[in-house]
PDB file of all heavy atoms in Angstrom:
ATOM      1  N   VAL A   1       0.889  -1.160   0.000  1.00  0.00           N
ATOM      2  CA  VAL A   1       0.000   0.000   0.000  1.00  0.00           C
ATOM      3  C   VAL A   1       0.926   1.207   0.000  1.00  0.00           C
ATOM      4  O   VAL A   1       1.488   1.568   1.022  1.00  0.00           O
ATOM      5  CB  VAL A   1      -0.937   0.029   1.227  1.00  0.00           C
ATOM      6  CG1 VAL A   1      -1.838   1.256   1.161  1.00  0.00           C
ATOM      7  CG2 VAL A   1      -1.779  -1.238   1.274  1.00  0.00           C
ATOM      8  N   LEU A   2       1.105   1.788  -1.188  1.00  0.00           N
ATOM      9  CA  LEU A   2       2.073   2.869  -1.330  1.00  0.00           C
ATOM     10  C   LEU A   2       1.461   4.204  -0.956  1.00  0.00           C
ATOM     11  O   LEU A   2       0.232   4.361  -0.891  1.00  0.00           O
ATOM     12  CB  LEU A   2       2.603   2.911  -2.762  1.00  0.00           C
ATOM     13  CG  LEU A   2       3.336   1.635  -3.224  1.00  0.00           C
ATOM     14  CD1 LEU A   2       3.780   1.759  -4.675  1.00  0.00           C
ATOM     15  CD2 LEU A   2       4.517   1.329  -2.326  1.00  0.00           C
ATOM     16  N   GLN A   3       2.324   5.171  -0.749  1.00  0.00           N
ATOM     17  CA  GLN A   3       1.879   6.500  -0.313  1.00  0.00           C
ATOM     18  C   GLN A   3       1.043   7.180  -1.386  1.00  0.00           C
ATOM     19  O   GLN A   3       0.040   7.821  -1.098  1.00  0.00           O
ATOM     20  CB  GLN A   3       3.108   7.347   0.021  1.00  0.00           C
ATOM     21  CG  GLN A   3       2.792   8.654   0.735  1.00  0.00           C
ATOM     22  CD  GLN A   3       4.064   9.366   1.158  1.00  0.00           C
ATOM     23  OE1 GLN A   3       5.106   9.218   0.531  1.00  0.00           O
ATOM     24  NE2 GLN A   3       3.984  10.129   2.221  1.00  0.00           N
ATOM     25  N   ASP A   4       1.451   7.025  -2.654  1.00  0.00           N
ATOM     26  CA  ASP A   4       0.720   7.625  -3.763  1.00  0.00           C
ATOM     27  C   ASP A   4      -0.279   6.599  -4.276  1.00  0.00           C
ATOM     28  O   ASP A   4       0.048   5.738  -5.090  1.00  0.00           O
ATOM     29  CB  ASP A   4       1.698   8.037  -4.873  1.00  0.00           C
ATOM     30  CG  ASP A   4       0.992   8.727  -6.032  1.00  0.00           C
ATOM     31  OD1 ASP A   4      -0.152   9.179  -5.846  1.00  0.00           O
ATOM     32  OD2 ASP A   4       1.590   8.819  -7.128  1.00  0.00           O
ATOM     33  N   VAL A   5      -1.495   6.668  -3.788  1.00  0.00           N
ATOM     34  CA  VAL A   5      -2.515   5.680  -4.141  1.00  0.00           C
ATOM     35  C   VAL A   5      -2.991   5.924  -5.570  1.00  0.00           C
ATOM     36  O   VAL A   5      -3.344   7.042  -5.949  1.00  0.00           O
ATOM     37  CB  VAL A   5      -3.715   5.762  -3.178  1.00  0.00           C
ATOM     38  CG1 VAL A   5      -4.813   4.812  -3.629  1.00  0.00           C
ATOM     39  CG2 VAL A   5      -3.264   5.439  -1.768  1.00  0.00           C
ATOM     40  N   PHE A   6      -2.983   4.859  -6.366  1.00  0.00           N
ATOM     41  CA  PHE A   6      -3.477   4.958  -7.738  1.00  0.00           C
ATOM     42  C   PHE A   6      -4.659   4.015  -7.892  1.00  0.00           C
ATOM     43  O   PHE A   6      -4.553   2.817  -7.631  1.00  0.00           O
ATOM     44  CB  PHE A   6      -2.394   4.575  -8.751  1.00  0.00           C
ATOM     45  CG  PHE A   6      -2.827   4.760 -10.184  1.00  0.00           C
ATOM     46  CD1 PHE A   6      -2.560   5.938 -10.847  1.00  0.00           C
ATOM     47  CD2 PHE A   6      -3.529   3.764 -10.847  1.00  0.00           C
ATOM     48  CE1 PHE A   6      -2.966   6.119 -12.158  1.00  0.00           C
ATOM     49  CE2 PHE A   6      -3.946   3.937 -12.155  1.00  0.00           C
ATOM     50  CZ  PHE A   6      -3.663   5.122 -12.815  1.00  0.00           C
ATOM     51  N   LEU A   7      -5.794   4.579  -8.313  1.00  0.00           N
ATOM     52  CA  LEU A   7      -6.970   3.777  -8.628  1.00  0.00           C
ATOM     53  C   LEU A   7      -7.278   3.921 -10.108  1.00  0.00           C
ATOM     54  O   LEU A   7      -7.090   4.994 -10.690  1.00  0.00           O
ATOM     55  CB  LEU A   7      -8.171   4.221  -7.794  1.00  0.00           C
ATOM     56  CG  LEU A   7      -8.040   4.098  -6.274  1.00  0.00           C
ATOM     57  CD1 LEU A   7      -9.345   4.511  -5.600  1.00  0.00           C
ATOM     58  CD2 LEU A   7      -7.648   2.687  -5.850  1.00  0.00           C
ATOM     59  N   PHE A   8      -7.758   2.844 -10.708  1.00  0.00           N
ATOM     60  CA  PHE A   8      -8.078   2.856 -12.131  1.00  0.00           C
ATOM     61  C   PHE A   8      -9.488   3.398 -12.356  1.00  0.00           C
ATOM     62  O   PHE A   8     -10.339   3.376 -11.463  1.00  0.00           O
ATOM     63  CB  PHE A   8      -7.968   1.445 -12.702  1.00  0.00           C
ATOM     64  CG  PHE A   8      -6.564   0.918 -12.722  1.00  0.00           C
ATOM     65  CD1 PHE A   8      -6.060   0.195 -11.646  1.00  0.00           C
ATOM     66  CD2 PHE A   8      -5.727   1.154 -13.802  1.00  0.00           C
ATOM     67  CE1 PHE A   8      -4.765  -0.288 -11.645  1.00  0.00           C
ATOM     68  CE2 PHE A   8      -4.425   0.682 -13.810  1.00  0.00           C
ATOM     69  CZ  PHE A   8      -3.944  -0.039 -12.733  1.00  0.00           C
ATOM     70  N   ASN A   9      -9.710   3.877 -13.565  1.00  0.00           N
ATOM     71  CA  ASN A   9     -11.027   4.383 -13.938  1.00  0.00           C
ATOM     72  C   ASN A   9     -11.954   3.190 -14.156  1.00  0.00           C
ATOM     73  O   ASN A   9     -12.234   2.782 -15.281  1.00  0.00           O
ATOM     74  CB  ASN A   9     -10.919   5.235 -15.200  1.00  0.00           C
ATOM     75  CG  ASN A   9     -12.243   5.905 -15.545  1.00  0.00           C
ATOM     76  OD1 ASN A   9     -13.124   6.042 -14.697  1.00  0.00           O
ATOM     77  ND2 ASN A   9     -12.409   6.304 -16.788  1.00  0.00           N
ATOM     78  N   ALA A  10     -12.407   2.623 -13.058  1.00  0.00           N
ATOM     79  CA  ALA A  10     -13.239   1.422 -13.081  1.00  0.00           C
ATOM     80  C   ALA A  10     -14.131   1.452 -11.841  1.00  0.00           C
ATOM     81  O   ALA A  10     -14.155   2.441 -11.108  1.00  0.00           O
ATOM     82  CB  ALA A  10     -12.367   0.172 -13.100  1.00  0.00           C
ATOM     83  N   THR A  11     -14.855   0.380 -11.618  1.00  0.00           N
ATOM     84  CA  THR A  11     -15.733   0.330 -10.446  1.00  0.00           C
ATOM     85  C   THR A  11     -14.909   0.046  -9.196  1.00  0.00           C
ATOM     86  O   THR A  11     -13.764  -0.413  -9.262  1.00  0.00           O
ATOM     87  CB  THR A  11     -16.797  -0.764 -10.600  1.00  0.00           C
ATOM     88  OG1 THR A  11     -16.150  -2.033 -10.651  1.00  0.00           O
ATOM     89  CG2 THR A  11     -17.608  -0.553 -11.872  1.00  0.00           C
ATOM     90  N   LEU A  12     -15.525   0.309  -8.034  1.00  0.00           N
ATOM     91  CA  LEU A  12     -14.865  -0.012  -6.769  1.00  0.00           C
ATOM     92  C   LEU A  12     -14.541  -1.504  -6.694  1.00  0.00           C
ATOM     93  O   LEU A  12     -13.460  -1.901  -6.255  1.00  0.00           O
ATOM     94  CB  LEU A  12     -15.781   0.373  -5.602  1.00  0.00           C
ATOM     95  CG  LEU A  12     -15.680   1.803  -5.081  1.00  0.00           C
ATOM     96  CD1 LEU A  12     -16.779   2.057  -4.071  1.00  0.00           C
ATOM     97  CD2 LEU A  12     -14.315   2.046  -4.450  1.00  0.00           C
ATOM     98  N   ARG A  13     -15.471  -2.323  -7.133  1.00  0.00           N
ATOM     99  CA  ARG A  13     -15.270  -3.772  -7.076  1.00  0.00           C
ATOM    100  C   ARG A  13     -14.060  -4.178  -7.918  1.00  0.00           C
ATOM    101  O   ARG A  13     -13.219  -4.963  -7.480  1.00  0.00           O
ATOM    102  CB  ARG A  13     -16.529  -4.488  -7.588  1.00  0.00           C
ATOM    103  CG  ARG A  13     -16.391  -6.014  -7.621  1.00  0.00           C
ATOM    104  CD  ARG A  13     -17.619  -6.688  -8.192  1.00  0.00           C
ATOM    105  NE  ARG A  13     -18.703  -6.707  -7.221  1.00  0.00           N
ATOM    106  CZ  ARG A  13     -19.733  -5.858  -7.230  1.00  0.00           C
ATOM    107  NH1 ARG A  13     -19.808  -4.916  -8.163  1.00  0.00           N
ATOM    108  NH2 ARG A  13     -20.676  -5.942  -6.324  1.00  0.00           N
ATOM    109  N   GLU A  14     -13.963  -3.617  -9.106  1.00  0.00           N
ATOM    110  CA  GLU A  14     -12.849  -3.970  -9.993  1.00  0.00           C
ATOM    111  C   GLU A  14     -11.517  -3.472  -9.435  1.00  0.00           C
ATOM    112  O   GLU A  14     -10.479  -4.137  -9.596  1.00  0.00           O
ATOM    113  CB  GLU A  14     -13.095  -3.388 -11.393  1.00  0.00           C
ATOM    114  CG  GLU A  14     -14.226  -4.075 -12.136  1.00  0.00           C
ATOM    115  CD  GLU A  14     -14.663  -3.315 -13.384  1.00  0.00           C
ATOM    116  OE1 GLU A  14     -14.470  -2.074 -13.422  1.00  0.00           O
ATOM    117  OE2 GLU A  14     -15.185  -3.949 -14.312  1.00  0.00           O
ATOM    118  N   ASN A  15     -11.522  -2.316  -8.785  1.00  0.00           N
ATOM    119  CA  ASN A  15     -10.288  -1.811  -8.193  1.00  0.00           C
ATOM    120  C   ASN A  15      -9.829  -2.678  -7.028  1.00  0.00           C
ATOM    121  O   ASN A  15      -8.638  -2.934  -6.862  1.00  0.00           O
ATOM    122  CB  ASN A  15     -10.477  -0.362  -7.738  1.00  0.00           C
ATOM    123  CG  ASN A  15     -10.138   0.642  -8.816  1.00  0.00           C
ATOM    124  OD1 ASN A  15      -8.973   0.872  -9.127  1.00  0.00           O
ATOM    125  ND2 ASN A  15     -11.164   1.228  -9.416  1.00  0.00           N
ATOM    126  N   ILE A  16     -10.765  -3.130  -6.206  1.00  0.00           N
ATOM    127  CA  ILE A  16     -10.400  -3.985  -5.069  1.00  0.00           C
ATOM    128  C   ILE A  16      -9.871  -5.327  -5.561  1.00  0.00           C
ATOM    129  O   ILE A  16      -8.898  -5.861  -5.020  1.00  0.00           O
ATOM    130  CB  ILE A  16     -11.615  -4.176  -4.139  1.00  0.00           C
ATOM    131  CG1 ILE A  16     -12.004  -2.842  -3.483  1.00  0.00           C
ATOM    132  CG2 ILE A  16     -11.322  -5.231  -3.071  1.00  0.00           C
ATOM    133  CD1 ILE A  16     -13.298  -2.898  -2.701  1.00  0.00           C
ATOM    134  N   ALA A  17     -10.486  -5.860  -6.615  1.00  0.00           N
ATOM    135  CA  ALA A  17     -10.114  -7.191  -7.113  1.00  0.00           C
ATOM    136  C   ALA A  17      -8.980  -7.149  -8.128  1.00  0.00           C
ATOM    137  O   ALA A  17      -8.661  -8.179  -8.733  1.00  0.00           O
ATOM    138  CB  ALA A  17     -11.343  -7.858  -7.753  1.00  0.00           C
ATOM    139  N   TYR A  18      -8.337  -6.001  -8.299  1.00  0.00           N
ATOM    140  CA  TYR A  18      -7.350  -5.840  -9.374  1.00  0.00           C
ATOM    141  C   TYR A  18      -6.213  -6.859  -9.280  1.00  0.00           C
ATOM    142  O   TYR A  18      -5.751  -7.387 -10.290  1.00  0.00           O
ATOM    143  CB  TYR A  18      -6.778  -4.422  -9.347  1.00  0.00           C
ATOM    144  CG  TYR A  18      -5.812  -4.150 -10.474  1.00  0.00           C
ATOM    145  CD1 TYR A  18      -6.269  -3.945 -11.768  1.00  0.00           C
ATOM    146  CD2 TYR A  18      -4.437  -4.138 -10.241  1.00  0.00           C
ATOM    147  CE1 TYR A  18      -5.386  -3.711 -12.813  1.00  0.00           C
ATOM    148  CE2 TYR A  18      -3.543  -3.911 -11.278  1.00  0.00           C
ATOM    149  CZ  TYR A  18      -4.022  -3.690 -12.558  1.00  0.00           C
ATOM    150  OH  TYR A  18      -3.146  -3.469 -13.586  1.00  0.00           O
ATOM    151  N   GLY A  19      -5.744  -7.149  -8.091  1.00  0.00           N
ATOM    152  CA  GLY A  19      -4.582  -8.033  -7.941  1.00  0.00           C
ATOM    153  C   GLY A  19      -4.898  -9.506  -7.982  1.00  0.00           C
ATOM    154  O   GLY A  19      -3.993 -10.339  -8.087  1.00  0.00           O
ATOM    155  N   VAL A  20      -6.177  -9.858  -7.898  1.00  0.00           N
ATOM    156  CA  VAL A  20      -6.577 -11.275  -7.880  1.00  0.00           C
ATOM    157  C   VAL A  20      -7.654 -11.458  -8.948  1.00  0.00           C
ATOM    158  O   VAL A  20      -8.818 -11.096  -8.750  1.00  0.00           O
ATOM    159  CB  VAL A  20      -7.113 -11.695  -6.499  1.00  0.00           C
ATOM    160  CG1 VAL A  20      -7.466 -13.188  -6.490  1.00  0.00           C
ATOM    161  CG2 VAL A  20      -6.088 -11.390  -5.419  1.00  0.00           C
ATOM    162  N   ALA A  21      -7.256 -12.018 -10.080  1.00  0.00           N
ATOM    163  CA  ALA A  21      -8.153 -12.085 -11.234  1.00  0.00           C
ATOM    164  C   ALA A  21      -9.409 -12.910 -10.973  1.00  0.00           C
ATOM    165  O   ALA A  21     -10.489 -12.597 -11.470  1.00  0.00           O
ATOM    166  CB  ALA A  21      -7.403 -12.639 -12.444  1.00  0.00           C
ATOM    167  N   ASN A  22      -9.281 -13.978 -10.200  1.00  0.00           N
ATOM    168  CA  ASN A  22     -10.418 -14.897  -9.980  1.00  0.00           C
ATOM    169  C   ASN A  22     -11.047 -14.719  -8.599  1.00  0.00           C
ATOM    170  O   ASN A  22     -11.619 -15.662  -8.043  1.00  0.00           O
ATOM    171  CB  ASN A  22      -9.962 -16.341 -10.170  1.00  0.00           C
ATOM    172  CG  ASN A  22      -8.799 -16.705  -9.246  1.00  0.00           C
ATOM    173  OD1 ASN A  22      -8.221 -15.823  -8.607  1.00  0.00           O
ATOM    174  ND2 ASN A  22      -8.490 -17.983  -9.173  1.00  0.00           N
ATOM    175  N   ALA A  23     -10.951 -13.536  -8.034  1.00  0.00           N
ATOM    176  CA  ALA A  23     -11.496 -13.298  -6.693  1.00  0.00           C
ATOM    177  C   ALA A  23     -13.017 -13.460  -6.698  1.00  0.00           C
ATOM    178  O   ALA A  23     -13.707 -12.996  -7.616  1.00  0.00           O
ATOM    179  CB  ALA A  23     -11.126 -11.903  -6.216  1.00  0.00           C
ATOM    180  N   THR A  24     -13.516 -14.106  -5.667  1.00  0.00           N
ATOM    181  CA  THR A  24     -14.964 -14.270  -5.544  1.00  0.00           C
ATOM    182  C   THR A  24     -15.581 -13.031  -4.894  1.00  0.00           C
ATOM    183  O   THR A  24     -14.883 -12.211  -4.296  1.00  0.00           O
ATOM    184  CB  THR A  24     -15.291 -15.508  -4.692  1.00  0.00           C
ATOM    185  OG1 THR A  24     -14.812 -15.280  -3.357  1.00  0.00           O
ATOM    186  CG2 THR A  24     -14.626 -16.753  -5.278  1.00  0.00           C
ATOM    187  N   GLU A  25     -16.890 -12.941  -5.008  1.00  0.00           N
ATOM    188  CA  GLU A  25     -17.598 -11.809  -4.405  1.00  0.00           C
ATOM    189  C   GLU A  25     -17.420 -11.818  -2.884  1.00  0.00           C
ATOM    190  O   GLU A  25     -17.261 -10.754  -2.265  1.00  0.00           O
ATOM    191  CB  GLU A  25     -19.088 -11.894  -4.764  1.00  0.00           C
ATOM    192  CG  GLU A  25     -19.913 -10.699  -4.332  1.00  0.00           C
ATOM    193  CD  GLU A  25     -19.652  -9.468  -5.183  1.00  0.00           C
ATOM    194  OE1 GLU A  25     -18.973  -9.592  -6.221  1.00  0.00           O
ATOM    195  OE2 GLU A  25     -20.123  -8.375  -4.810  1.00  0.00           O
ATOM    196  N   GLU A  26     -17.423 -12.999  -2.290  1.00  0.00           N
ATOM    197  CA  GLU A  26     -17.261 -13.088  -0.841  1.00  0.00           C
ATOM    198  C   GLU A  26     -15.885 -12.602  -0.408  1.00  0.00           C
ATOM    199  O   GLU A  26     -15.751 -11.903   0.612  1.00  0.00           O
ATOM    200  CB  GLU A  26     -17.448 -14.555  -0.390  1.00  0.00           C
ATOM    201  CG  GLU A  26     -18.878 -15.084  -0.522  1.00  0.00           C
ATOM    202  CD  GLU A  26     -19.244 -15.402  -1.965  1.00  0.00           C
ATOM    203  OE1 GLU A  26     -18.316 -15.497  -2.816  1.00  0.00           O
ATOM    204  OE2 GLU A  26     -20.452 -15.523  -2.264  1.00  0.00           O
ATOM    205  N   GLN A  27     -14.855 -12.951  -1.160  1.00  0.00           N
ATOM    206  CA  GLN A  27     -13.498 -12.500  -0.835  1.00  0.00           C
ATOM    207  C   GLN A  27     -13.369 -10.983  -0.952  1.00  0.00           C
ATOM    208  O   GLN A  27     -12.738 -10.333  -0.116  1.00  0.00           O
ATOM    209  CB  GLN A  27     -12.483 -13.183  -1.754  1.00  0.00           C
ATOM    210  CG  GLN A  27     -12.327 -14.681  -1.498  1.00  0.00           C
ATOM    211  CD  GLN A  27     -11.455 -15.340  -2.561  1.00  0.00           C
ATOM    212  OE1 GLN A  27     -11.481 -14.968  -3.732  1.00  0.00           O
ATOM    213  NE2 GLN A  27     -10.680 -16.340  -2.144  1.00  0.00           N
ATOM    214  N   ILE A  28     -13.977 -10.426  -1.993  1.00  0.00           N
ATOM    215  CA  ILE A  28     -13.932  -8.968  -2.186  1.00  0.00           C
ATOM    216  C   ILE A  28     -14.632  -8.259  -1.038  1.00  0.00           C
ATOM    217  O   ILE A  28     -14.120  -7.275  -0.479  1.00  0.00           O
ATOM    218  CB  ILE A  28     -14.579  -8.590  -3.539  1.00  0.00           C
ATOM    219  CG1 ILE A  28     -13.759  -9.148  -4.707  1.00  0.00           C
ATOM    220  CG2 ILE A  28     -14.718  -7.072  -3.680  1.00  0.00           C
ATOM    221  CD1 ILE A  28     -14.427  -8.998  -6.062  1.00  0.00           C
ATOM    222  N   MET A  29     -15.809  -8.760  -0.675  1.00  0.00           N
ATOM    223  CA  MET A  29     -16.565  -8.143   0.411  1.00  0.00           C
ATOM    224  C   MET A  29     -15.821  -8.246   1.747  1.00  0.00           C
ATOM    225  O   MET A  29     -15.811  -7.306   2.546  1.00  0.00           O
ATOM    226  CB  MET A  29     -17.943  -8.803   0.538  1.00  0.00           C
ATOM    227  CG  MET A  29     -18.872  -8.594  -0.652  1.00  0.00           C
ATOM    228  SD  MET A  29     -19.227  -6.862  -0.991  1.00  0.00           S
ATOM    229  CE  MET A  29     -18.273  -6.625  -2.485  1.00  0.00           C
TER     230      MET A  29
END
């Protein structure tokens, strides 16, 4: 978690799941 936070122009869900391609909804929540 770096000091300069970068988020992509996408949904919150997609930003949270960015590092894990096959993340389930339960894991994201």
